[in-house]
Amino acid sequence: MPYRQIEDLPASVKGHLPVHAQEIYLKAFNAAWDEYRDPGERRAHESREATAHKVAWAAVKTTYVKDEMSGQWRVKAHRQ
């Protein structure tokens, strides 16, 4: 089900992502929740929730990257 605020996000998100990334996750999850309401719109008969989580993580990864050494999420460097 959609999340009302970042405090409602799963611990796996809140405990690992910076606040801005959590905001991205929240917005993407909620948008995907609405968009993939119809099971025919999802891949491989995945649940609506699983699909929304995948979309949300993909949205975070457009702006953030997990540092391999520290395990911390940081904003991606912009290429010129």
N, C-alpha and C. Protein backbone atom coordinates (compact mmCIF):
# COMPACT_ATOMS: atom_id res chain seq x y z
N MET A 1 0.84 -1.17 0.00
CA MET A 1 0.00 0.00 0.00
C MET A 1 0.89 1.24 0.00
N PRO A 2 0.41 2.34 -0.51
CA PRO A 2 1.23 3.56 -0.60
C PRO A 2 1.69 4.04 0.79
N TYR A 3 2.79 4.75 0.78
CA TYR A 3 3.34 5.31 2.02
C TYR A 3 2.95 6.77 2.13
N ARG A 4 2.55 7.19 3.31
CA ARG A 4 2.12 8.58 3.52
C ARG A 4 3.31 9.51 3.74
N GLN A 5 4.34 9.02 4.40
CA GLN A 5 5.51 9.86 4.71
C GLN A 5 6.74 8.97 4.81
N ILE A 6 7.92 9.58 4.78
CA ILE A 6 9.14 8.77 4.77
C ILE A 6 9.29 7.95 6.06
N GLU A 7 8.71 8.40 7.13
CA GLU A 7 8.78 7.64 8.38
C GLU A 7 8.07 6.29 8.27
N ASP A 8 7.19 6.16 7.30
CA ASP A 8 6.44 4.92 7.10
C ASP A 8 7.17 3.92 6.20
N LEU A 9 8.26 4.33 5.58
CA LEU A 9 8.99 3.45 4.67
C LEU A 9 9.58 2.26 5.43
N PRO A 10 9.85 1.16 4.73
CA PRO A 10 10.45 -0.01 5.38
C PRO A 10 11.83 0.33 5.96
N ALA A 11 12.21 -0.40 6.99
CA ALA A 11 13.51 -0.19 7.63
C ALA A 11 14.65 -0.36 6.64
N SER A 12 14.49 -1.24 5.65
CA SER A 12 15.54 -1.46 4.66
C SER A 12 15.80 -0.22 3.81
N VAL A 13 14.85 0.68 3.76
CA VAL A 13 14.99 1.94 3.03
C VAL A 13 15.47 3.03 3.99
N LYS A 14 14.75 3.19 5.10
CA LYS A 14 15.08 4.24 6.07
C LYS A 14 16.47 4.07 6.67
N GLY A 15 16.87 2.85 6.88
CA GLY A 15 18.15 2.60 7.53
C GLY A 15 19.36 2.70 6.63
N HIS A 16 19.12 2.89 5.33
CA HIS A 16 20.24 2.87 4.40
C HIS A 16 20.34 4.10 3.51
N LEU A 17 19.23 4.73 3.20
CA LEU A 17 19.25 5.84 2.25
C LEU A 17 19.24 7.19 2.94
N PRO A 18 19.94 8.18 2.35
CA PRO A 18 19.83 9.55 2.85
C PRO A 18 18.39 10.04 2.69
N VAL A 19 18.04 11.08 3.42
CA VAL A 19 16.66 11.59 3.42
C VAL A 19 16.18 11.93 2.01
N HIS A 20 17.00 12.62 1.23
CA HIS A 20 16.57 12.97 -0.13
C HIS A 20 16.26 11.72 -0.95
N ALA A 21 17.08 10.70 -0.83
CA ALA A 21 16.84 9.44 -1.55
C ALA A 21 15.56 8.78 -1.05
N GLN A 22 15.26 8.90 0.24
CA GLN A 22 14.02 8.36 0.78
C GLN A 22 12.82 9.09 0.17
N GLU A 23 12.95 10.38 -0.03
CA GLU A 23 11.87 11.15 -0.65
C GLU A 23 11.63 10.68 -2.09
N ILE A 24 12.72 10.43 -2.81
CA ILE A 24 12.61 9.91 -4.18
C ILE A 24 11.90 8.55 -4.15
N TYR A 25 12.33 7.70 -3.24
CA TYR A 25 11.75 6.37 -3.10
C TYR A 25 10.25 6.46 -2.84
N LEU A 26 9.87 7.28 -1.90
CA LEU A 26 8.46 7.44 -1.53
C LEU A 26 7.62 7.86 -2.73
N LYS A 27 8.06 8.88 -3.44
CA LYS A 27 7.30 9.38 -4.59
C LYS A 27 7.22 8.34 -5.70
N ALA A 28 8.33 7.67 -5.97
CA ALA A 28 8.34 6.67 -7.05
C ALA A 28 7.49 5.46 -6.68
N PHE A 29 7.58 5.02 -5.43
CA PHE A 29 6.77 3.89 -4.99
C PHE A 29 5.29 4.20 -5.15
N ASN A 30 4.87 5.35 -4.65
CA ASN A 30 3.46 5.71 -4.70
C ASN A 30 2.96 5.88 -6.14
N ALA A 31 3.79 6.44 -7.00
CA ALA A 31 3.40 6.58 -8.41
C ALA A 31 3.27 5.21 -9.07
N ALA A 32 4.22 4.32 -8.79
CA ALA A 32 4.18 2.97 -9.37
C ALA A 32 2.99 2.19 -8.82
N TRP A 33 2.68 2.40 -7.55
CA TRP A 33 1.53 1.73 -6.94
C TRP A 33 0.26 2.04 -7.74
N ASP A 34 0.12 3.30 -8.12
CA ASP A 34 -1.04 3.70 -8.91
C ASP A 34 -0.96 3.18 -10.34
N GLU A 35 0.22 3.31 -10.93
CA GLU A 35 0.39 2.95 -12.35
C GLU A 35 0.21 1.45 -12.61
N TYR A 36 0.68 0.62 -11.70
CA TYR A 36 0.65 -0.83 -11.92
C TYR A 36 -0.47 -1.53 -11.16
N ARG A 37 -1.58 -0.86 -11.05
CA ARG A 37 -2.77 -1.40 -10.39
C ARG A 37 -3.25 -2.67 -11.08
N ASP A 38 -3.24 -2.66 -12.40
CA ASP A 38 -3.72 -3.79 -13.21
C ASP A 38 -2.61 -4.85 -13.30
N PRO A 39 -2.90 -6.09 -12.89
CA PRO A 39 -1.89 -7.15 -12.95
C PRO A 39 -1.31 -7.36 -14.34
N GLY A 40 -2.05 -7.05 -15.38
CA GLY A 40 -1.56 -7.20 -16.74
C GLY A 40 -0.46 -6.22 -17.09
N GLU A 41 -0.30 -5.19 -16.28
CA GLU A 41 0.75 -4.18 -16.51
C GLU A 41 2.08 -4.57 -15.86
N ARG A 42 2.07 -5.62 -15.06
CA ARG A 42 3.28 -6.04 -14.32
C ARG A 42 3.97 -7.19 -15.02
N ARG A 43 5.27 -7.32 -14.78
CA ARG A 43 6.05 -8.41 -15.36
C ARG A 43 5.91 -9.69 -14.53
N ALA A 44 5.92 -10.79 -15.19
CA ALA A 44 6.00 -12.12 -14.58
C ALA A 44 5.05 -12.30 -13.39
N HIS A 45 3.90 -11.72 -13.48
CA HIS A 45 2.88 -11.87 -12.44
C HIS A 45 3.37 -11.45 -11.06
N GLU A 46 4.25 -10.46 -11.01
CA GLU A 46 4.72 -9.95 -9.72
C GLU A 46 3.59 -9.23 -9.01
N SER A 47 3.70 -9.15 -7.71
CA SER A 47 2.69 -8.43 -6.93
C SER A 47 2.82 -6.94 -7.20
N ARG A 48 1.78 -6.25 -6.93
CA ARG A 48 1.77 -4.79 -7.09
C ARG A 48 2.84 -4.16 -6.20
N GLU A 49 2.96 -4.66 -4.98
CA GLU A 49 3.94 -4.12 -4.04
C GLU A 49 5.38 -4.38 -4.52
N ALA A 50 5.66 -5.59 -4.98
CA ALA A 50 7.01 -5.91 -5.45
C ALA A 50 7.38 -5.03 -6.64
N THR A 51 6.44 -4.83 -7.53
CA THR A 51 6.68 -3.98 -8.69
C THR A 51 6.97 -2.55 -8.26
N ALA A 52 6.18 -2.03 -7.32
CA ALA A 52 6.38 -0.66 -6.85
C ALA A 52 7.73 -0.49 -6.17
N HIS A 53 8.16 -1.50 -5.40
CA HIS A 53 9.48 -1.42 -4.76
C HIS A 53 10.61 -1.42 -5.81
N LYS A 54 10.47 -2.23 -6.84
CA LYS A 54 11.49 -2.26 -7.89
C LYS A 54 11.58 -0.90 -8.60
N VAL A 55 10.44 -0.33 -8.90
CA VAL A 55 10.41 0.99 -9.54
C VAL A 55 11.05 2.03 -8.63
N ALA A 56 10.74 1.97 -7.35
CA ALA A 56 11.28 2.95 -6.39
C ALA A 56 12.80 2.83 -6.29
N TRP A 57 13.33 1.62 -6.20
CA TRP A 57 14.78 1.46 -6.14
C TRP A 57 15.43 1.94 -7.43
N ALA A 58 14.81 1.67 -8.57
CA ALA A 58 15.36 2.14 -9.84
C ALA A 58 15.39 3.67 -9.88
N ALA A 59 14.38 4.31 -9.34
CA ALA A 59 14.33 5.77 -9.30
C ALA A 59 15.47 6.32 -8.42
N VAL A 60 15.69 5.70 -7.29
CA VAL A 60 16.79 6.13 -6.41
C VAL A 60 18.12 6.01 -7.14
N LYS A 61 18.29 4.92 -7.86
CA LYS A 61 19.58 4.64 -8.53
C LYS A 61 19.85 5.56 -9.71
N THR A 62 18.87 6.36 -10.13
CA THR A 62 19.15 7.34 -11.18
C THR A 62 19.92 8.53 -10.62
N THR A 63 19.82 8.76 -9.31
CA THR A 63 20.48 9.89 -8.67
C THR A 63 21.57 9.47 -7.69
N TYR A 64 21.41 8.31 -7.08
CA TYR A 64 22.33 7.84 -6.05
C TYR A 64 23.02 6.56 -6.46
N VAL A 65 24.20 6.34 -5.88
CA VAL A 65 24.95 5.12 -6.09
C VAL A 65 25.47 4.66 -4.73
N LYS A 66 25.53 3.36 -4.54
CA LYS A 66 26.03 2.81 -3.29
C LYS A 66 27.54 2.66 -3.39
N ASP A 67 28.26 3.30 -2.50
CA ASP A 67 29.72 3.23 -2.48
C ASP A 67 30.13 1.81 -2.09
N GLU A 68 30.94 1.19 -2.93
CA GLU A 68 31.33 -0.20 -2.70
C GLU A 68 32.19 -0.38 -1.46
N MET A 69 32.98 0.62 -1.14
CA MET A 69 33.88 0.51 0.01
C MET A 69 33.14 0.72 1.34
N SER A 70 32.36 1.79 1.42
CA SER A 70 31.71 2.13 2.68
C SER A 70 30.30 1.56 2.82
N GLY A 71 29.67 1.25 1.70
CA GLY A 71 28.30 0.77 1.72
C GLY A 71 27.28 1.90 1.85
N GLN A 72 27.76 3.14 1.86
CA GLN A 72 26.89 4.31 1.98
C GLN A 72 26.38 4.74 0.62
N TRP A 73 25.16 5.26 0.59
CA TRP A 73 24.60 5.80 -0.64
C TRP A 73 25.02 7.25 -0.78
N ARG A 74 25.46 7.63 -1.98
CA ARG A 74 25.88 9.01 -2.23
C ARG A 74 25.36 9.46 -3.58
N VAL A 75 25.27 10.78 -3.75
CA VAL A 75 24.81 11.34 -5.02
C VAL A 75 25.84 11.00 -6.09
N LYS A 76 25.35 10.58 -7.25
CA LYS A 76 26.23 10.27 -8.37
C LYS A 76 26.96 11.53 -8.83
N ALA A 77 28.19 11.34 -9.24
CA ALA A 77 28.95 12.45 -9.83
C ALA A 77 28.40 12.70 -11.21
N HIS A 78 28.26 13.97 -11.55
CA HIS A 78 27.78 14.32 -12.87
C HIS A 78 28.92 14.32 -13.87
N ARG A 79 28.68 13.69 -15.01
CA ARG A 79 29.71 13.67 -16.06
C ARG A 79 29.51 14.85 -16.98
N GLN A 80 30.58 15.42 -17.39
CA GLN A 80 30.54 16.58 -18.28
C GLN A 80 30.77 16.15 -19.71
